[in-house]
Amino acid sequence: MKKSYKIYVDCANCANKMEAAANKTRGVKSAVVNFMTLKMNVEFEDGFEPKEVMQEVKKNCKKVEDDCDILF
């Protein structure tokens, strides 16, 4: 399953940090952050609930960039 999420982030470097953190999260098959459109596209692994995975993604992103946000 693939979903797109609106994100808030200040710079392209921060967006890259968010992308790396998201890709390390259990249940995420792949994540791509586009700083220009302020969107994160996430493909989830089979058997994982997207909302639960995104809560973990948000926690992991806040660890590397505390002023970012993901709307889901």
Protein backbone atom coordinates (compact mmCIF):
# COMPACT_ATOMS: atom_id res chain seq x y z
CA MET A 1 0.00 0.00 0.00
CA LYS A 2 1.22 3.50 -0.86
CA LYS A 3 0.15 6.74 0.77
CA SER A 4 1.12 10.40 0.55
CA TYR A 5 1.42 12.70 3.58
CA LYS A 6 1.76 16.46 3.99
CA ILE A 7 4.91 17.43 5.89
CA TYR A 8 6.26 20.59 7.45
CA VAL A 9 10.03 21.00 7.34
CA ASP A 10 12.30 24.06 7.07
CA CYS A 11 15.05 22.99 4.67
CA ALA A 12 16.06 20.39 2.10
CA ASN A 13 18.71 18.93 4.41
CA CYS A 14 16.07 18.40 7.10
CA ALA A 15 13.84 16.72 4.53
CA ASN A 16 16.69 14.33 3.69
CA LYS A 17 17.06 13.49 7.39
CA MET A 18 13.33 12.78 7.59
CA GLU A 19 13.52 10.52 4.55
CA ALA A 20 16.40 8.53 6.05
CA ALA A 21 14.60 8.17 9.40
CA ALA A 22 11.39 7.05 7.70
CA ASN A 23 13.21 4.43 5.65
CA LYS A 24 14.71 2.93 8.82
CA THR A 25 11.27 2.50 10.41
CA ARG A 26 9.85 -1.01 10.72
CA GLY A 27 6.93 -1.47 8.33
CA VAL A 28 8.17 1.04 5.75
CA LYS A 29 9.11 -0.55 2.43
CA SER A 30 10.23 2.81 1.00
CA ALA A 31 9.78 6.48 1.78
CA VAL A 32 10.53 9.49 -0.41
CA VAL A 33 10.38 13.07 0.83
CA ASN A 34 9.95 15.90 -1.66
CA PHE A 35 10.96 19.21 -0.08
CA MET A 36 9.57 21.29 -2.96
CA THR A 37 6.04 19.88 -2.59
CA LEU A 38 6.33 19.24 1.18
CA LYS A 39 5.11 15.66 0.76
CA MET A 40 6.26 12.27 1.96
CA ASN A 41 5.29 9.28 -0.15
CA VAL A 42 5.41 6.03 1.79
CA GLU A 43 5.05 2.44 0.62
CA PHE A 44 4.23 0.09 3.48
CA GLU A 45 5.29 -3.52 3.92
CA ASP A 46 2.50 -6.10 3.80
CA GLY A 47 0.87 -6.87 7.13
CA PHE A 48 1.52 -3.47 8.72
CA GLU A 49 -1.15 -0.91 9.65
CA PRO A 50 -0.21 2.42 7.98
CA LYS A 51 -1.47 4.60 10.84
CA GLU A 52 0.59 2.70 13.43
CA VAL A 53 3.68 2.74 11.22
CA MET A 54 3.29 6.48 10.61
CA GLN A 55 3.21 7.15 14.36
CA GLU A 56 6.62 5.47 14.58
CA VAL A 57 7.84 7.34 11.49
CA LYS A 58 6.84 10.63 13.11
CA LYS A 59 8.66 9.72 16.35
CA ASN A 60 11.79 8.76 14.40
CA CYS A 61 11.68 11.93 12.31
CA LYS A 62 11.31 14.08 15.45
CA LYS A 63 14.52 12.48 16.80
CA VAL A 64 16.55 13.78 13.85
CA GLU A 65 14.61 17.00 13.20
CA ASP A 66 12.53 18.08 16.19
CA ASP A 67 10.68 20.93 14.47
CA CYS A 68 9.29 18.81 11.62
CA ASP A 69 5.73 17.52 11.40
CA ILE A 70 3.80 14.93 9.42
CA LEU A 71 0.04 15.20 8.99
CA PHE A 72 -1.87 11.93 8.82
